[in-house]
Amino acid sequence: GPADMKTLLTGACGRIASRIITPLLEAGHEVRAVDRTYRHDLPVRIEVENLLDPTRPYRLLEGVEALVHFANHSNARVADAHTVFNENVTMNWNLFEAARAMGLKHIIFASSIQVMSGSRTVAEADKRPSTLAYLPADGDLPAVPGNYYALSKQASEQQLAYLVREAGMNCTALRLPAVPTVARMLRHWSGQRRPADALGPHSSPDELFAFLPPSDVARLVTALLDHQPQGMRIYLPAAHGNYLNWTSEEIVRQFHADVHQRQPIGPDTPLIDNTRITAETGWEPTPVAELDPASA
């Protein structure tokens, strides 16, 4: 795609999207930024809008070639089920349908690893089977949403698949894992080994303790704006490592012994396979040894 693609970035004041504005600008993209809240410390002006109003996206998408959509309730804990599910699905459809009507061809959507990670917790790991159909994991894993936030993300992936079929759009859903946006978190996560019970009993072993620093999210979004594959893609991008700093073998033995292995999982086999993302976009995660805590 053209280096100067005009992009609408939603949720631009949020934890992750706010960190991808500068890399997008540095890559030569023109960024129009929208959020329901305002910040004055970002390199672009924020337009304050309520995306639950179906008329608002038409103004925001005027003259825009690509939609990078991060504006959503961020997990199941932020509000009640009705609010999280209904508002996520509504704002997503309002934007996607306006994009279709206005002839946009490119959408990049921040989905979640929770779409495929079910509701099994570390505390239940030995009593309930793993949600995962196979390992190493990738974006082709079947959806097994374990909460209403995850369900809203799955519904919105379905909305995108519909637009690809019916309107010939190119849509990519990124099932993002945990994104550490504080330097000390990234230092901690890519540093010393941690016991599984350090996570608290409610953490999800079927998220594979995966993470991706915000700088890598930004590079992936930029790569997709430059080379978005045709049609529908669901990607599961992750660092080659895990925030327990265990070997892949140890994680599988403790949490996923029952899961089909498409290739034998050795100590250093990544539990999440990025090869298709790399083949289609050129993006690769930063090696964990090279992660710079400042990139959070």
Protein backbone atom coordinates (compact mmCIF):
# COMPACT_ATOMS: atom_id res chain seq x y z
CA GLY A 1 0.00 0.00 0.00
CA PRO A 2 1.00 3.66 -0.28
CA ALA A 3 3.31 4.87 2.47
CA ASP A 4 1.10 7.89 3.09
CA MET A 5 -2.12 5.98 3.72
CA LYS A 6 -4.58 8.11 5.70
CA THR A 7 -5.62 6.04 8.70
CA LEU A 8 -8.34 6.42 11.32
CA LEU A 9 -7.07 5.14 14.67
CA THR A 10 -9.81 4.57 17.25
CA GLY A 11 -9.22 4.21 20.98
CA ALA A 12 -6.23 6.46 20.37
CA CYS A 13 -5.92 7.53 24.03
CA GLY A 14 -5.92 3.92 25.22
CA ARG A 15 -3.11 1.89 26.72
CA ILE A 16 -2.03 0.21 23.47
CA ALA A 17 -3.26 2.46 20.66
CA SER A 18 -1.62 5.56 22.18
CA ARG A 19 1.73 3.80 21.79
CA ILE A 20 1.31 3.10 18.09
CA ILE A 21 0.65 6.69 16.95
CA THR A 22 4.31 7.75 16.77
CA PRO A 23 5.45 4.59 14.90
CA LEU A 24 2.64 5.09 12.37
CA LEU A 25 3.64 8.72 11.84
CA GLU A 26 7.30 7.72 11.53
CA ALA A 27 6.32 5.18 8.87
CA GLY A 28 4.78 8.02 6.86
CA HIS A 29 1.10 7.42 7.58
CA GLU A 30 -1.32 10.26 8.22
CA VAL A 31 -3.20 9.48 11.45
CA ARG A 32 -6.65 10.74 12.35
CA ALA A 33 -7.16 9.87 16.02
CA VAL A 34 -10.44 9.42 17.86
CA ASP A 35 -11.38 8.47 21.40
CA ARG A 36 -14.21 9.13 23.83
CA THR A 37 -11.70 10.79 26.19
CA TYR A 38 -9.08 13.47 25.52
CA ARG A 39 -5.32 13.59 25.99
CA HIS A 40 -3.06 16.52 25.15
CA ASP A 41 0.23 14.58 25.41
CA LEU A 42 -0.05 12.69 22.10
CA PRO A 43 1.55 13.73 18.79
CA VAL A 44 -1.80 14.15 17.03
CA ARG A 45 -4.99 15.99 17.94
CA ILE A 46 -7.64 13.73 19.48
CA GLU A 47 -11.18 14.04 18.15
CA VAL A 48 -13.60 13.21 20.97
CA GLU A 49 -16.49 11.11 19.68
CA ASN A 50 -19.07 8.57 20.85
CA LEU A 51 -18.84 5.63 18.45
CA LEU A 52 -22.09 4.19 19.83
CA ASP A 53 -23.83 6.80 17.66
CA PRO A 54 -24.11 5.15 14.22
CA THR A 55 -23.88 8.49 12.41
CA ARG A 56 -20.48 9.54 13.82
CA PRO A 57 -18.17 7.15 11.90
CA TYR A 58 -19.22 8.64 8.54
CA ARG A 59 -17.65 11.98 9.42
CA LEU A 60 -14.55 10.37 10.91
CA LEU A 61 -13.94 8.10 7.91
CA GLU A 62 -14.18 10.94 5.35
CA GLY A 63 -11.07 10.79 3.17
CA VAL A 64 -9.64 7.85 5.16
CA GLU A 65 -8.22 4.74 3.45
CA ALA A 66 -7.69 2.39 6.41
CA LEU A 67 -9.37 1.83 9.77
CA VAL A 68 -7.21 0.67 12.70
CA HIS A 69 -9.79 -0.09 15.38
CA PHE A 70 -8.76 -0.38 19.04
CA ALA A 71 -11.70 1.40 20.72
CA ASN A 72 -13.47 -1.21 22.88
CA HIS A 73 -14.14 -2.04 26.49
CA SER A 74 -10.84 -3.71 27.33
CA ASN A 75 -11.94 -6.81 29.26
CA ALA A 76 -14.86 -8.49 30.99
CA ARG A 77 -14.07 -6.84 34.33
CA VAL A 78 -14.52 -3.20 33.27
CA ALA A 79 -18.33 -3.31 33.37
CA ASP A 80 -21.36 -5.62 33.42
CA ALA A 81 -22.06 -8.16 30.67
CA HIS A 82 -24.68 -6.04 28.88
CA THR A 83 -22.47 -2.98 28.71
CA VAL A 84 -19.30 -4.75 27.57
CA PHE A 85 -20.93 -7.03 25.01
CA ASN A 86 -23.58 -4.69 23.60
CA GLU A 87 -21.36 -1.62 23.41
CA ASN A 88 -18.37 -3.43 21.86
CA VAL A 89 -20.48 -5.13 19.21
CA THR A 90 -22.44 -1.93 18.50
CA MET A 91 -19.47 0.42 18.13
CA ASN A 92 -17.63 -2.16 16.03
CA TRP A 93 -20.55 -2.63 13.66
CA ASN A 94 -21.14 1.13 13.43
CA LEU A 95 -17.56 1.61 12.27
CA PHE A 96 -17.36 -1.46 10.04
CA GLU A 97 -20.65 -0.76 8.27
CA ALA A 98 -19.72 2.89 7.71
CA ALA A 99 -16.37 1.74 6.31
CA ARG A 100 -18.17 -0.61 3.91
CA ALA A 101 -20.64 2.07 2.82
CA MET A 102 -17.82 4.55 2.18
CA GLY A 103 -15.79 2.11 0.09
CA LEU A 104 -12.88 1.52 2.49
CA LYS A 105 -10.89 -1.61 1.69
CA HIS A 106 -8.68 -1.95 4.79
CA ILE A 107 -9.60 -2.73 8.39
CA ILE A 108 -7.24 -3.84 11.16
CA PHE A 109 -9.11 -4.82 14.33
CA ALA A 110 -7.73 -5.37 17.82
CA SER A 111 -9.30 -8.68 18.85
CA SER A 112 -8.06 -10.78 21.78
CA ILE A 113 -6.36 -14.09 22.52
CA GLN A 114 -9.34 -14.61 24.84
CA VAL A 115 -11.44 -15.49 21.77
CA MET A 116 -9.73 -18.91 21.74
CA SER A 117 -8.60 -19.37 25.34
CA GLY A 118 -11.85 -20.41 27.04
CA SER A 119 -12.42 -20.00 30.77
CA ARG A 120 -10.14 -22.62 32.34
CA THR A 121 -7.99 -21.12 35.10
CA VAL A 122 -4.59 -22.06 36.50
CA ALA A 123 -6.39 -23.26 39.64
CA GLU A 124 -8.51 -25.70 37.58
CA ALA A 125 -5.76 -26.74 35.19
CA ASP A 126 -5.52 -30.33 36.45
CA LYS A 127 -9.32 -30.77 36.67
CA ARG A 128 -10.43 -29.38 33.29
CA PRO A 129 -9.01 -30.21 29.85
CA SER A 130 -7.23 -27.54 27.87
CA THR A 131 -9.40 -25.43 25.54
CA LEU A 132 -6.75 -25.55 22.80
CA ALA A 133 -7.34 -27.84 19.81
CA TYR A 134 -3.62 -28.11 19.02
CA LEU A 135 -0.16 -26.70 19.65
CA PRO A 136 1.73 -24.66 18.58
CA ALA A 137 -1.18 -22.21 18.61
CA ASP A 138 -2.00 -19.84 15.75
CA GLY A 139 -4.83 -17.68 14.46
CA ASP A 140 -6.65 -20.68 12.98
CA LEU A 141 -7.56 -22.07 16.40
CA PRO A 142 -11.33 -22.36 16.80
CA ALA A 143 -13.07 -19.69 18.84
CA VAL A 144 -13.83 -20.77 22.42
CA PRO A 145 -14.80 -17.52 24.16
CA GLY A 146 -14.96 -17.96 27.93
CA ASN A 147 -16.48 -14.59 28.87
CA TYR A 148 -18.70 -11.91 27.34
CA TYR A 149 -15.76 -9.68 26.42
CA ALA A 150 -14.24 -12.54 24.39
CA LEU A 151 -17.69 -13.22 22.91
CA SER A 152 -17.93 -9.59 21.74
CA LYS A 153 -14.55 -9.92 20.02
CA GLN A 154 -15.59 -13.17 18.32
CA ALA A 155 -18.85 -11.56 17.13
CA SER A 156 -16.84 -8.70 15.66
CA GLU A 157 -14.47 -11.09 13.86
CA GLN A 158 -17.63 -12.57 12.33
CA GLN A 159 -18.75 -9.09 11.27
CA LEU A 160 -15.42 -8.64 9.47
CA ALA A 161 -15.65 -12.04 7.77
CA TYR A 162 -19.08 -11.01 6.50
CA LEU A 163 -17.71 -7.75 5.06
CA VAL A 164 -14.89 -9.65 3.34
CA ARG A 165 -17.41 -12.01 1.70
CA GLU A 166 -20.05 -9.45 0.84
CA ALA A 167 -18.01 -6.32 0.09
CA GLY A 168 -14.56 -7.61 -0.93
CA MET A 169 -12.81 -5.84 1.92
CA ASN A 170 -9.44 -6.80 3.39
CA CYS A 171 -9.77 -7.33 7.14
CA THR A 172 -7.27 -8.52 9.72
CA ALA A 173 -8.22 -9.37 13.30
CA LEU A 174 -5.28 -9.42 15.72
CA ARG A 175 -5.95 -11.77 18.64
CA LEU A 176 -3.60 -9.87 20.88
CA PRO A 177 -2.13 -11.54 23.96
CA ALA A 178 -1.22 -9.58 27.10
CA VAL A 179 0.52 -6.32 26.15
CA PRO A 180 2.82 -5.01 28.91
CA THR A 181 2.65 -1.22 28.71
CA VAL A 182 4.79 -0.48 31.77
CA ALA A 183 8.57 -0.82 31.46
CA ARG A 184 8.89 -2.64 34.76
CA MET A 185 6.31 -5.23 33.62
CA LEU A 186 8.24 -5.90 30.43
CA ARG A 187 11.51 -6.12 32.36
CA HIS A 188 9.91 -8.52 34.83
CA TRP A 189 8.18 -10.60 32.14
CA SER A 190 11.26 -11.03 29.96
CA GLY A 191 13.55 -11.54 32.96
CA GLN A 192 13.46 -14.07 35.76
CA ARG A 193 11.59 -17.34 36.03
CA ARG A 194 8.30 -17.14 37.95
CA PRO A 195 6.20 -19.81 39.65
CA ALA A 196 2.76 -20.43 38.11
CA ASP A 197 1.07 -19.54 41.39
CA ALA A 198 2.62 -16.04 41.18
CA LEU A 199 -0.12 -15.28 38.65
CA GLY A 200 -3.10 -15.76 40.91
CA PRO A 201 -5.59 -18.61 40.52
CA HIS A 202 -7.76 -16.87 37.91
CA SER A 203 -5.16 -16.48 35.17
CA SER A 204 -5.72 -18.53 32.04
CA PRO A 205 -3.19 -21.24 31.09
CA ASP A 206 -4.79 -21.49 27.64
CA GLU A 207 -3.49 -18.00 26.84
CA LEU A 208 -0.11 -19.77 27.00
CA PHE A 209 1.35 -16.98 29.20
CA ALA A 210 1.90 -15.15 25.91
CA PHE A 211 2.75 -11.48 25.57
CA LEU A 212 3.66 -8.91 22.93
CA PRO A 213 5.30 -5.54 23.66
CA PRO A 214 3.49 -2.46 22.31
CA SER A 215 6.41 -1.67 19.97
CA ASP A 216 5.80 -5.04 18.25
CA VAL A 217 2.05 -4.33 18.00
CA ALA A 218 2.94 -1.02 16.32
CA ARG A 219 5.32 -2.72 13.87
CA LEU A 220 2.65 -5.29 12.98
CA VAL A 221 -0.01 -2.63 12.35
CA THR A 222 2.48 -0.71 10.18
CA ALA A 223 3.39 -3.89 8.27
CA LEU A 224 -0.31 -4.56 7.65
CA LEU A 225 -0.92 -1.04 6.37
CA ASP A 226 1.95 -1.60 3.93
CA HIS A 227 1.12 -5.20 2.90
CA GLN A 228 -2.33 -6.22 4.07
CA PRO A 229 -3.21 -9.67 2.70
CA GLN A 230 -6.33 -10.00 0.57
CA GLY A 231 -9.50 -11.14 2.32
CA MET A 232 -9.92 -12.20 5.93
CA ARG A 233 -7.04 -12.97 8.27
CA ILE A 234 -7.03 -13.83 11.95
CA TYR A 235 -3.56 -13.54 13.44
CA LEU A 236 -2.29 -14.54 16.88
CA PRO A 237 0.94 -12.53 17.21
CA ALA A 238 3.18 -13.14 20.21
CA ALA A 239 6.74 -12.88 21.45
CA HIS A 240 8.79 -16.11 21.21
CA GLY A 241 8.63 -16.78 24.91
CA ASN A 242 6.25 -16.57 27.83
CA TYR A 243 6.00 -14.39 30.89
CA LEU A 244 6.65 -17.29 33.27
CA ASN A 245 10.04 -17.73 31.57
CA TRP A 246 9.55 -21.49 31.60
CA THR A 247 10.55 -23.74 28.72
CA SER A 248 7.75 -24.58 26.30
CA GLU A 249 8.11 -28.23 27.36
CA GLU A 250 7.45 -27.37 31.02
CA ILE A 251 4.33 -25.36 30.20
CA VAL A 252 2.92 -28.15 28.04
CA ARG A 253 3.70 -30.80 30.67
CA GLN A 254 1.95 -28.85 33.42
CA PHE A 255 -1.01 -27.34 31.55
CA HIS A 256 -1.49 -28.92 28.09
CA ALA A 257 -0.42 -32.55 28.31
CA ASP A 258 -3.69 -33.58 26.61
CA VAL A 259 -3.33 -31.24 23.62
CA HIS A 260 -2.48 -32.55 20.13
CA GLN A 261 1.00 -31.43 19.03
CA ARG A 262 1.22 -30.60 15.32
CA GLN A 263 4.98 -30.65 15.75
CA PRO A 264 6.87 -31.99 18.75
CA ILE A 265 7.20 -29.26 21.39
CA GLY A 266 10.82 -29.05 22.50
CA PRO A 267 12.17 -26.76 25.24
CA ASP A 268 12.51 -23.81 22.84
CA THR A 269 9.68 -24.49 20.36
CA PRO A 270 7.51 -21.37 20.37
CA LEU A 271 4.06 -22.24 21.74
CA ILE A 272 2.62 -19.66 19.34
CA ASP A 273 3.53 -19.98 15.68
CA ASN A 274 4.03 -16.63 13.89
CA THR A 275 5.32 -18.11 10.61
CA ARG A 276 2.21 -17.32 8.55
CA ILE A 277 2.18 -13.71 9.79
CA THR A 278 5.84 -13.40 8.78
CA ALA A 279 5.22 -15.00 5.37
CA GLU A 280 2.28 -12.71 4.62
CA THR A 281 3.49 -9.40 6.09
CA GLY A 282 7.24 -9.68 6.74
CA TRP A 283 6.66 -9.01 10.46
CA GLU A 284 8.51 -10.98 13.14
CA PRO A 285 8.45 -10.48 16.91
CA THR A 286 11.48 -8.88 18.50
CA PRO A 287 13.66 -11.60 20.07
CA VAL A 288 13.00 -11.61 23.82
CA ALA A 289 16.73 -11.14 24.54
CA GLU A 290 16.63 -7.88 22.58
CA LEU A 291 13.48 -6.42 24.15
CA ASP A 292 14.00 -2.91 25.40
CA PRO A 293 11.88 -2.11 28.47
CA ALA A 294 11.61 1.44 27.08
CA SER A 295 9.52 -0.07 24.26
CA ALA A 296 6.68 -0.54 26.75
